[in-house]
PDB file of N, CA and C in Angstrom:
ATOM      1  N   UNK A   1      44.701  36.663 -67.858  1.00  0.00           N
ATOM      2  CA  UNK A   1      44.850  36.890 -66.434  1.00  0.00           C
ATOM      3  C   UNK A   1      43.707  36.186 -65.707  1.00  0.00           C
ATOM      4  N   UNK A   2      44.005  35.755 -64.480  1.00  0.00           N
ATOM      5  CA  UNK A   2      43.026  35.059 -63.661  1.00  0.00           C
ATOM      6  C   UNK A   2      43.208  35.488 -62.212  1.00  0.00           C
ATOM      7  N   UNK A   3      42.215  35.190 -61.398  1.00  0.00           N
ATOM      8  CA  UNK A   3      42.301  35.475 -59.976  1.00  0.00           C
ATOM      9  C   UNK A   3      42.194  34.172 -59.203  1.00  0.00           C
ATOM     10  N   UNK A   4      43.134  33.987 -58.277  1.00  0.00           N
ATOM     11  CA  UNK A   4      43.143  32.832 -57.387  1.00  0.00           C
ATOM     12  C   UNK A   4      42.621  33.306 -56.045  1.00  0.00           C
ATOM     13  N   UNK A   5      41.625  32.586 -55.518  1.00  0.00           N
ATOM     14  CA  UNK A   5      41.079  32.918 -54.213  1.00  0.00           C
ATOM     15  C   UNK A   5      41.147  31.687 -53.330  1.00  0.00           C
ATOM     16  N   UNK A   6      41.719  31.834 -52.146  1.00  0.00           N
ATOM     17  CA  UNK A   6      41.788  30.747 -51.175  1.00  0.00           C
ATOM     18  C   UNK A   6      40.606  30.851 -50.228  1.00  0.00           C
ATOM     19  N   UNK A   7      39.992  29.709 -49.951  1.00  0.00           N
ATOM     20  CA  UNK A   7      38.939  29.628 -48.932  1.00  0.00           C
ATOM     21  C   UNK A   7      39.463  28.645 -47.892  1.00  0.00           C
ATOM     22  N   UNK A   8      40.163  29.165 -46.907  1.00  0.00           N
ATOM     23  CA  UNK A   8      40.845  28.330 -45.928  1.00  0.00           C
ATOM     24  C   UNK A   8      39.883  27.449 -45.142  1.00  0.00           C
ATOM     25  N   UNK A   9      38.715  27.969 -44.801  1.00  0.00           N
ATOM     26  CA  UNK A   9      37.771  27.193 -43.984  1.00  0.00           C
ATOM     27  C   UNK A   9      37.290  25.938 -44.706  1.00  0.00           C
ATOM     28  N   UNK A  10      37.276  25.957 -46.039  1.00  0.00           N
ATOM     29  CA  UNK A  10      36.832  24.803 -46.828  1.00  0.00           C
ATOM     30  C   UNK A  10      37.998  24.066 -47.487  1.00  0.00           C
ATOM     31  N   UNK A  11      39.231  24.475 -47.218  1.00  0.00           N
ATOM     32  CA  UNK A  11      40.414  23.897 -47.871  1.00  0.00           C
ATOM     33  C   UNK A  11      40.229  23.856 -49.378  1.00  0.00           C
ATOM     34  N   UNK A  12      39.924  25.030 -49.938  1.00  0.00           N
ATOM     35  CA  UNK A  12      39.612  25.124 -51.353  1.00  0.00           C
ATOM     36  C   UNK A  12      40.312  26.317 -51.975  1.00  0.00           C
ATOM     37  N   UNK A  13      40.711  26.152 -53.243  1.00  0.00           N
ATOM     38  CA  UNK A  13      41.264  27.242 -54.028  1.00  0.00           C
ATOM     39  C   UNK A  13      40.405  27.377 -55.276  1.00  0.00           C
ATOM     40  N   UNK A  14      40.025  28.592 -55.605  1.00  0.00           N
ATOM     41  CA  UNK A  14      39.191  28.853 -56.774  1.00  0.00           C
ATOM     42  C   UNK A  14      39.994  29.700 -57.749  1.00  0.00           C
ATOM     43  N   UNK A  15      40.103  29.237 -58.997  1.00  0.00           N
ATOM     44  CA  UNK A  15      40.806  29.965 -60.043  1.00  0.00           C
ATOM     45  C   UNK A  15      39.772  30.341 -61.086  1.00  0.00           C
ATOM     46  N   UNK A  16      39.561  31.649 -61.251  1.00  0.00           N
ATOM     47  CA  UNK A  16      38.548  32.113 -62.191  1.00  0.00           C
ATOM     48  C   UNK A  16      39.014  33.330 -62.941  1.00  0.00           C
ATOM     49  N   UNK A  17      38.124  33.928 -63.733  1.00  0.00           N
ATOM     50  CA  UNK A  17      38.483  35.141 -64.474  1.00  0.00           C
ATOM     51  C   UNK A  17      38.949  36.247 -63.531  1.00  0.00           C
ATOM     52  N   UNK A  18      39.696  37.177 -64.074  1.00  0.00           N
ATOM     53  CA  UNK A  18      40.260  38.269 -63.287  1.00  0.00           C
ATOM     54  C   UNK A  18      39.161  39.032 -62.561  1.00  0.00           C
ATOM     55  N   UNK A  19      39.332  39.181 -61.260  1.00  0.00           N
ATOM     56  CA  UNK A  19      38.346  39.886 -60.446  1.00  0.00           C
ATOM     57  C   UNK A  19      38.412  41.382 -60.711  1.00  0.00           C
ATOM     58  N   UNK A  20      37.280  42.044 -60.573  1.00  0.00           N
ATOM     59  CA  UNK A  20      37.207  43.486 -60.799  1.00  0.00           C
ATOM     60  C   UNK A  20      37.673  44.279 -59.580  1.00  0.00           C
ATOM     61  N   UNK A  21      37.736  43.645 -58.408  1.00  0.00           N
ATOM     62  CA  UNK A  21      38.169  44.336 -57.202  1.00  0.00           C
ATOM     63  C   UNK A  21      38.957  43.372 -56.328  1.00  0.00           C
ATOM     64  N   UNK A  22      39.765  43.923 -55.436  1.00  0.00           N
ATOM     65  CA  UNK A  22      40.624  43.111 -54.574  1.00  0.00           C
ATOM     66  C   UNK A  22      39.845  42.575 -53.381  1.00  0.00           C
ATOM     67  N   UNK A  23      40.167  41.350 -53.001  1.00  0.00           N
ATOM     68  CA  UNK A  23      39.574  40.728 -51.822  1.00  0.00           C
ATOM     69  C   UNK A  23      40.700  40.099 -51.006  1.00  0.00           C
ATOM     70  N   UNK A  24      40.474  39.921 -49.709  1.00  0.00           N
ATOM     71  CA  UNK A  24      41.481  39.214 -48.924  1.00  0.00           C
ATOM     72  C   UNK A  24      41.642  37.791 -49.451  1.00  0.00           C
ATOM     73  N   UNK A  25      42.815  37.269 -49.395  1.00  0.00           N
ATOM     74  CA  UNK A  25      43.140  35.909 -49.838  1.00  0.00           C
ATOM     75  C   UNK A  25      42.967  35.726 -51.339  1.00  0.00           C
ATOM     76  N   UNK A  26      43.038  36.803 -52.115  1.00  0.00           N
ATOM     77  CA  UNK A  26      42.938  36.726 -53.575  1.00  0.00           C
ATOM     78  C   UNK A  26      44.228  37.225 -54.204  1.00  0.00           C
ATOM     79  N   UNK A  27      44.635  36.554 -55.284  1.00  0.00           N
ATOM     80  CA  UNK A  27      45.881  36.901 -55.958  1.00  0.00           C
ATOM     81  C   UNK A  27      45.666  36.809 -57.459  1.00  0.00           C
ATOM     82  N   UNK A  28      46.181  37.768 -58.206  1.00  0.00           N
ATOM     83  CA  UNK A  28      46.077  37.746 -59.662  1.00  0.00           C
ATOM     84  C   UNK A  28      47.214  36.903 -60.232  1.00  0.00           C
ATOM     85  N   UNK A  29      46.881  36.086 -61.224  1.00  0.00           N
ATOM     86  CA  UNK A  29      47.844  35.199 -61.852  1.00  0.00           C
ATOM     87  C   UNK A  29      47.805  35.376 -63.363  1.00  0.00           C
ATOM     88  N   UNK A  30      48.936  35.111 -64.006  1.00  0.00           N
ATOM     89  CA  UNK A  30      48.934  35.054 -65.462  1.00  0.00           C
ATOM     90  C   UNK A  30      48.262  33.737 -65.862  1.00  0.00           C
ATOM     91  N   UNK A  31      47.905  33.612 -67.130  1.00  0.00           N
ATOM     92  CA  UNK A  31      47.180  32.425 -67.574  1.00  0.00           C
ATOM     93  C   UNK A  31      47.993  31.145 -67.380  1.00  0.00           C
ATOM     94  N   UNK A  32      49.287  31.216 -67.658  1.00  0.00           N
ATOM     95  CA  UNK A  32      50.140  30.028 -67.510  1.00  0.00           C
ATOM     96  C   UNK A  32      50.113  29.493 -66.076  1.00  0.00           C
ATOM     97  N   UNK A  33      50.253  30.385 -65.102  1.00  0.00           N
ATOM     98  CA  UNK A  33      50.238  29.951 -63.710  1.00  0.00           C
ATOM     99  C   UNK A  33      48.840  29.544 -63.258  1.00  0.00           C
ATOM    100  N   UNK A  34      47.808  30.156 -63.804  1.00  0.00           N
ATOM    101  CA  UNK A  34      46.438  29.779 -63.456  1.00  0.00           C
ATOM    102  C   UNK A  34      46.139  28.351 -63.902  1.00  0.00           C
ATOM    103  N   UNK A  35      46.653  27.961 -65.056  1.00  0.00           N
ATOM    104  CA  UNK A  35      46.411  26.621 -65.590  1.00  0.00           C
ATOM    105  C   UNK A  35      47.247  25.579 -64.843  1.00  0.00           C
ATOM    106  N   UNK A  36      48.472  25.921 -64.441  1.00  0.00           N
ATOM    107  CA  UNK A  36      49.395  24.967 -63.823  1.00  0.00           C
ATOM    108  C   UNK A  36      49.322  24.910 -62.294  1.00  0.00           C
ATOM    109  N   UNK A  37      48.453  25.708 -61.691  1.00  0.00           N
ATOM    110  CA  UNK A  37      48.378  25.798 -60.233  1.00  0.00           C
ATOM    111  C   UNK A  37      48.092  24.436 -59.594  1.00  0.00           C
ATOM    112  N   UNK A  38      48.809  24.129 -58.538  1.00  0.00           N
ATOM    113  CA  UNK A  38      48.521  22.955 -57.721  1.00  0.00           C
ATOM    114  C   UNK A  38      48.212  23.429 -56.312  1.00  0.00           C
ATOM    115  N   UNK A  39      47.478  22.597 -55.568  1.00  0.00           N
ATOM    116  CA  UNK A  39      47.081  22.969 -54.205  1.00  0.00           C
ATOM    117  C   UNK A  39      47.641  21.938 -53.234  1.00  0.00           C
ATOM    118  N   UNK A  40      47.694  22.274 -51.958  1.00  0.00           N
ATOM    119  CA  UNK A  40      48.208  21.321 -50.967  1.00  0.00           C
ATOM    120  C   UNK A  40      47.356  20.043 -50.915  1.00  0.00           C
ATOM    121  N   UNK A  41      47.987  18.960 -50.493  1.00  0.00           N
ATOM    122  CA  UNK A  41      47.291  17.682 -50.356  1.00  0.00           C
ATOM    123  C   UNK A  41      46.102  17.869 -49.423  1.00  0.00           C
ATOM    124  N   UNK A  42      44.967  17.347 -49.820  1.00  0.00           N
ATOM    125  CA  UNK A  42      43.752  17.452 -49.019  1.00  0.00           C
ATOM    126  C   UNK A  42      42.893  18.645 -49.400  1.00  0.00           C
ATOM    127  N   UNK A  43      43.422  19.521 -50.241  1.00  0.00           N
ATOM    128  CA  UNK A  43      42.663  20.673 -50.701  1.00  0.00           C
ATOM    129  C   UNK A  43      41.985  20.351 -52.023  1.00  0.00           C
ATOM    130  N   UNK A  44      40.953  21.105 -52.337  1.00  0.00           N
ATOM    131  CA  UNK A  44      40.257  20.974 -53.610  1.00  0.00           C
ATOM    132  C   UNK A  44      40.488  22.249 -54.414  1.00  0.00           C
ATOM    133  N   UNK A  45      40.617  22.106 -55.731  1.00  0.00           N
ATOM    134  CA  UNK A  45      40.758  23.280 -56.586  1.00  0.00           C
ATOM    135  C   UNK A  45      39.568  23.316 -57.541  1.00  0.00           C
ATOM    136  N   UNK A  46      38.929  24.455 -57.607  1.00  0.00           N
ATOM    137  CA  UNK A  46      37.843  24.687 -58.554  1.00  0.00           C
ATOM    138  C   UNK A  46      38.412  25.638 -59.597  1.00  0.00           C
ATOM    139  N   UNK A  47      38.406  25.184 -60.859  1.00  0.00           N
ATOM    140  CA  UNK A  47      39.073  25.936 -61.913  1.00  0.00           C
ATOM    141  C   UNK A  47      38.072  26.336 -62.987  1.00  0.00           C
ATOM    142  N   UNK A  48      38.160  27.559 -63.441  1.00  0.00           N
ATOM    143  CA  UNK A  48      37.356  28.064 -64.551  1.00  0.00           C
ATOM    144  C   UNK A  48      37.704  27.267 -65.808  1.00  0.00           C
ATOM    145  N   UNK A  49      36.690  26.844 -66.550  1.00  0.00           N
ATOM    146  CA  UNK A  49      36.925  26.110 -67.790  1.00  0.00           C
ATOM    147  C   UNK A  49      36.880  27.110 -68.937  1.00  0.00           C
ATOM    148  N   UNK A  50      37.896  27.112 -69.766  1.00  0.00           N
ATOM    149  CA  UNK A  50      37.945  28.030 -70.894  1.00  0.00           C
ATOM    150  C   UNK A  50      39.112  28.981 -70.770  1.00  0.00           C
ATOM    151  N   UNK A  51      39.104  29.977 -71.617  1.00  0.00           N
ATOM    152  CA  UNK A  51      40.194  30.957 -71.639  1.00  0.00           C
ATOM    153  C   UNK A  51      40.012  31.992 -70.545  1.00  0.00           C
ATOM    154  N   UNK A  52      41.119  32.618 -70.208  1.00  0.00           N
ATOM    155  CA  UNK A  52      41.100  33.721 -69.259  1.00  0.00           C
ATOM    156  C   UNK A  52      41.314  34.996 -70.067  1.00  0.00           C
ATOM    157  N   UNK A  53      40.244  35.695 -70.412  1.00  0.00           N
ATOM    158  CA  UNK A  53      40.404  36.884 -71.265  1.00  0.00           C
ATOM    159  C   UNK A  53      41.156  37.995 -70.552  1.00  0.00           C
ATOM    160  N   UNK A  54      41.875  38.777 -71.336  1.00  0.00           N
ATOM    161  CA  UNK A  54      42.564  39.944 -70.786  1.00  0.00           C
ATOM    162  C   UNK A  54      41.531  40.978 -70.377  1.00  0.00           C
ATOM    163  N   UNK A  55      41.785  41.667 -69.280  1.00  0.00           N
ATOM    164  CA  UNK A  55      40.822  42.673 -68.835  1.00  0.00           C
ATOM    165  C   UNK A  55      40.783  43.850 -69.793  1.00  0.00           C
ATOM    166  N   UNK A  56      39.612  44.439 -69.930  1.00  0.00           N
ATOM    167  CA  UNK A  56      39.450  45.632 -70.752  1.00  0.00           C
ATOM    168  C   UNK A  56      39.757  46.834 -69.868  1.00  0.00           C
ATOM    169  N   UNK A  57      40.757  47.648 -70.240  1.00  0.00           N
ATOM    170  CA  UNK A  57      41.094  48.785 -69.387  1.00  0.00           C
ATOM    171  C   UNK A  57      39.952  49.805 -69.345  1.00  0.00           C
ATOM    172  N   UNK A  58      39.675  50.289 -68.174  1.00  0.00           N
ATOM    173  CA  UNK A  58      38.657  51.318 -67.987  1.00  0.00           C
ATOM    174  C   UNK A  58      39.321  52.679 -68.116  1.00  0.00           C
ATOM    175  N   UNK A  59      38.543  53.686 -68.424  1.00  0.00           N
ATOM    176  CA  UNK A  59      39.077  55.039 -68.565  1.00  0.00           C
ATOM    177  C   UNK A  59      39.763  55.485 -67.276  1.00  0.00           C
ATOM    178  N   UNK A  60      39.197  55.113 -66.112  1.00  0.00           N
ATOM    179  CA  UNK A  60      39.807  55.488 -64.832  1.00  0.00           C
ATOM    180  C   UNK A  60      41.190  54.873 -64.682  1.00  0.00           C
ATOM    181  N   UNK A  61      41.340  53.617 -65.125  1.00  0.00           N
ATOM    182  CA  UNK A  61      42.639  52.950 -65.046  1.00  0.00           C
ATOM    183  C   UNK A  61      43.658  53.661 -65.921  1.00  0.00           C
ATOM    184  N   UNK A  62      43.254  54.039 -67.122  1.00  0.00           N
ATOM    185  CA  UNK A  62      44.168  54.717 -68.041  1.00  0.00           C
ATOM    186  C   UNK A  62      44.557  56.085 -67.512  1.00  0.00           C
ATOM    187  N   UNK A  63      43.612  56.790 -66.928  1.00  0.00           N
ATOM    188  CA  UNK A  63      43.914  58.105 -66.359  1.00  0.00           C
ATOM    189  C   UNK A  63      44.868  57.971 -65.169  1.00  0.00           C
ATOM    190  N   UNK A  64      44.654  56.974 -64.333  1.00  0.00           N
ATOM    191  CA  UNK A  64      45.542  56.759 -63.187  1.00  0.00           C
ATOM    192  C   UNK A  64      46.952  56.425 -63.655  1.00  0.00           C
ATOM    193  N   UNK A  65      47.056  55.609 -64.701  1.00  0.00           N
ATOM    194  CA  UNK A  65      48.364  55.264 -65.250  1.00  0.00           C
ATOM    195  C   UNK A  65      49.047  56.499 -65.825  1.00  0.00           C
ATOM    196  N   UNK A  66      48.309  57.313 -66.574  1.00  0.00           N
ATOM    197  CA  UNK A  66      48.877  58.534 -67.152  1.00  0.00           C
ATOM    198  C   UNK A  66      49.334  59.492 -66.049  1.00  0.00           C
ATOM    199  N   UNK A  67      48.544  59.615 -64.991  1.00  0.00           N
ATOM    200  CA  UNK A  67      48.930  60.487 -63.868  1.00  0.00           C
ATOM    201  C   UNK A  67      50.200  59.985 -63.195  1.00  0.00           C
ATOM    202  N   UNK A  68      50.322  58.670 -63.034  1.00  0.00           N
ATOM    203  CA  UNK A  68      51.517  58.100 -62.410  1.00  0.00           C
ATOM    204  C   UNK A  68      52.759  58.353 -63.268  1.00  0.00           C
ATOM    205  N   UNK A  69      52.614  58.234 -64.584  1.00  0.00           N
ATOM    206  CA  UNK A  69      53.747  58.485 -65.483  1.00  0.00           C
ATOM    207  C   UNK A  69      54.145  59.952 -65.427  1.00  0.00           C
ATOM    208  N   UNK A  70      53.159  60.846 -65.429  1.00  0.00           N
ATOM    209  CA  UNK A  70      53.464  62.285 -65.342  1.00  0.00           C
ATOM    210  C   UNK A  70      54.186  62.610 -64.036  1.00  0.00           C
ATOM    211  N   UNK A  71      53.719  62.021 -62.946  1.00  0.00           N
ATOM    212  CA  UNK A  71      54.337  62.279 -61.642  1.00  0.00           C
ATOM    213  C   UNK A  71      55.784  61.789 -61.618  1.00  0.00           C
ATOM    214  N   UNK A  72      56.036  60.620 -62.192  1.00  0.00           N
ATOM    215  CA  UNK A  72      57.388  60.076 -62.210  1.00  0.00           C
ATOM    216  C   UNK A  72      58.322  60.891 -63.091  1.00  0.00           C
ATOM    217  N   UNK A  73      57.778  61.516 -64.127  1.00  0.00           N
ATOM    218  CA  UNK A  73      58.600  62.287 -65.062  1.00  0.00           C
ATOM    219  C   UNK A  73      58.840  63.717 -64.592  1.00  0.00           C
ATOM    220  N   UNK A  74      58.143  64.119 -63.559  1.00  0.00           N
ATOM    221  CA  UNK A  74      58.279  65.492 -63.069  1.00  0.00           C
ATOM    222  C   UNK A  74      59.695  65.724 -62.561  1.00  0.00           C
ATOM    223  N   UNK A  75      60.327  66.783 -63.028  1.00  0.00           N
ATOM    224  CA  UNK A  75      61.702  67.112 -62.635  1.00  0.00           C
ATOM    225  C   UNK A  75      61.657  68.195 -61.575  1.00  0.00           C
ATOM    226  N   UNK A  76      62.361  67.963 -60.476  1.00  0.00           N
ATOM    227  CA  UNK A  76      62.417  68.964 -59.421  1.00  0.00           C
ATOM    228  C   UNK A  76      63.579  69.915 -59.688  1.00  0.00           C
ATOM    229  N   UNK A  77      63.315  71.205 -59.561  1.00  0.00           N
ATOM    230  CA  UNK A  77      64.348  72.219 -59.732  1.00  0.00           C
ATOM    231  C   UNK A  77      65.037  72.402 -58.395  1.00  0.00           C
ATOM    232  N   UNK A  78      66.369  72.233 -58.351  1.00  0.00           N
ATOM    233  CA  UNK A  78      67.059  72.388 -57.066  1.00  0.00           C
ATOM    234  C   UNK A  78      66.953  73.819 -56.556  1.00  0.00           C
ATOM    235  N   UNK A  79      66.706  73.943 -55.276  1.00  0.00           N
ATOM    236  CA  UNK A  79      66.611  75.259 -54.644  1.00  0.00           C
ATOM    237  C   UNK A  79      67.966  75.613 -54.039  1.00  0.00           C
ATOM    238  N   UNK A  80      68.321  76.892 -54.019  1.00  0.00           N
ATOM    239  CA  UNK A  80      69.594  77.260 -53.399  1.00  0.00           C
ATOM    240  C   UNK A  80      69.575  76.935 -51.906  1.00  0.00           C
ATOM    241  N   UNK A  81      70.727  76.575 -51.397  1.00  0.00           N
ATOM    242  CA  UNK A  81      70.839  76.237 -49.983  1.00  0.00           C
ATOM    243  C   UNK A  81      70.579  77.475 -49.137  1.00  0.00           C
ATOM    244  N   UNK A  82      69.995  77.287 -47.968  1.00  0.00           N
ATOM    245  CA  UNK A  82      69.776  78.445 -47.087  1.00  0.00           C
ATOM    246  C   UNK A  82      71.111  79.110 -46.772  1.00  0.00           C
ATOM    247  N   UNK A  83      71.149  80.431 -46.825  1.00  0.00           N
ATOM    248  CA  UNK A  83      72.362  81.186 -46.529  1.00  0.00           C
ATOM    249  C   UNK A  83      73.211  81.449 -47.751  1.00  0.00           C
ATOM    250  N   UNK A  84      72.765  80.991 -48.925  1.00  0.00           N
ATOM    251  CA  UNK A  84      73.559  81.246 -50.133  1.00  0.00           C
ATOM    252  C   UNK A  84      73.426  82.717 -50.507  1.00  0.00           C
ATOM    253  N   UNK A  85      74.537  83.292 -50.993  1.00  0.00           N
ATOM    254  CA  UNK A  85      74.454  84.692 -51.424  1.00  0.00           C
ATOM    255  C   UNK A  85      73.852  84.738 -52.827  1.00  0.00           C
ATOM    256  N   UNK A  86      73.777  85.922 -53.407  1.00  0.00           N
ATOM    257  CA  UNK A  86      73.129  86.087 -54.707  1.00  0.00           C
ATOM    258  C   UNK A  86      73.837  85.303 -55.812  1.00  0.00           C
ATOM    259  N   UNK A  87      75.125  85.063 -55.668  1.00  0.00           N
ATOM    260  CA  UNK A  87      75.843  84.323 -56.701  1.00  0.00           C
ATOM    261  C   UNK A  87      75.672  82.831 -56.524  1.00  0.00           C
ATOM    262  N   UNK A  88      75.150  82.389 -55.388  1.00  0.00           N
ATOM    263  CA  UNK A  88      74.941  80.974 -55.132  1.00  0.00           C
ATOM    264  C   UNK A  88      76.222  80.215 -54.853  1.00  0.00           C
ATOM    265  N   UNK A  89      77.315  80.928 -54.544  1.00  0.00           N
ATOM    266  CA  UNK A  89      78.590  80.247 -54.363  1.00  0.00           C
ATOM    267  C   UNK A  89      78.855  79.847 -52.919  1.00  0.00           C
ATOM    268  N   UNK A  90      78.139  80.403 -51.987  1.00  0.00           N
ATOM    269  CA  UNK A  90      78.331  79.978 -50.601  1.00  0.00           C
ATOM    270  C   UNK A  90      76.989  79.513 -50.069  1.00  0.00           C
ATOM    271  N   UNK A  91      77.038  78.685 -49.126  1.00  0.00           N
ATOM    272  CA  UNK A  91      75.794  78.194 -48.547  1.00  0.00           C
ATOM    273  C   UNK A  91      76.063  77.228 -47.422  1.00  0.00           C
ATOM    274  N   UNK A  92      75.029  76.815 -46.771  1.00  0.00           N
ATOM    275  CA  UNK A  92      75.151  75.909 -45.640  1.00  0.00           C
ATOM    276  C   UNK A  92      74.150  74.774 -45.822  1.00  0.00           C
ATOM    277  N   UNK A  93      74.620  73.584 -45.599  1.00  0.00           N
ATOM    278  CA  UNK A  93      73.750  72.413 -45.675  1.00  0.00           C
ATOM    279  C   UNK A  93      74.098  71.525 -44.489  1.00  0.00           C
ATOM    280  N   UNK A  94      73.192  71.458 -43.531  1.00  0.00           N
ATOM    281  CA  UNK A  94      73.469  70.668 -42.334  1.00  0.00           C
ATOM    282  C   UNK A  94      74.661  71.236 -41.594  1.00  0.00           C
ATOM    283  N   UNK A  95      75.647  70.412 -41.308  1.00  0.00           N
ATOM    284  CA  UNK A  95      76.843  70.851 -40.587  1.00  0.00           C
ATOM    285  C   UNK A  95      77.974  71.246 -41.543  1.00  0.00           C
ATOM    286  N   UNK A  96      77.754  71.157 -42.854  1.00  0.00           N
ATOM    287  CA  UNK A  96      78.783  71.513 -43.827  1.00  0.00           C
ATOM    288  C   UNK A  96      78.519  72.899 -44.391  1.00  0.00           C
ATOM    289  N   UNK A  97      79.583  73.556 -44.840  1.00  0.00           N
ATOM    290  CA  UNK A  97      79.428  74.876 -45.434  1.00  0.00           C
ATOM    291  C   UNK A  97      80.319  74.962 -46.652  1.00  0.00           C
ATOM    292  N   UNK A  98      79.774  75.542 -47.729  1.00  0.00           N
ATOM    293  CA  UNK A  98      80.551  75.749 -48.926  1.00  0.00           C
ATOM    294  C   UNK A  98      81.308  77.066 -48.777  1.00  0.00           C
ATOM    295  N   UNK A  99      82.602  77.011 -48.964  1.00  0.00           N
ATOM    296  CA  UNK A  99      83.440  78.200 -48.820  1.00  0.00           C
ATOM    297  C   UNK A  99      83.985  78.543 -50.200  1.00  0.00           C
ATOM    298  N   UNK A 100      83.863  79.823 -50.606  1.00  0.00           N
ATOM    299  CA  UNK A 100      84.392  80.197 -51.923  1.00  0.00           C
ATOM    300  C   UNK A 100      85.910  80.104 -51.925  1.00  0.00           C
ATOM    301  N   UNK A 101      86.485  79.827 -53.097  1.00  0.00           N
ATOM    302  CA  UNK A 101      87.952  79.734 -53.165  1.00  0.00           C
ATOM    303  C   UNK A 101      88.571  81.079 -52.877  1.00  0.00           C
ATOM    304  N   UNK A 102      89.835  81.088 -52.355  1.00  0.00           N
ATOM    305  CA  UNK A 102      90.504  82.364 -52.069  1.00  0.00           C
ATOM    306  C   UNK A 102      90.749  83.122 -53.372  1.00  0.00           C
ATOM    307  N   UNK A 103      90.732  84.423 -53.261  1.00  0.00           N
ATOM    308  CA  UNK A 103      90.912  85.274 -54.447  1.00  0.00           C
ATOM    309  C   UNK A 103      92.355  85.630 -54.625  1.00  0.00           C
TER     310      UNK A 103
END
């Protein structure tokens, strides 16, 4: 992974190792795109020489990922509609009403 940073005032693009924090005009790229990047005519590109190592995950990143997975997996239990009787067979939702079948 690599980070591309544009410096518009200098007509320059810098491709370097993955940044630890986000900045304006910065974009994360895979290694293939970091190596093949081209810039507009008249611009200069400064490119990191060597490999782009994969970032080492921090404990905070792993915890945030685990929390996101837990949140997505959380199942909501449906609540009975307001006005439903004890059997849950009648109720009202918006302008519609559930009517029990005739006996």
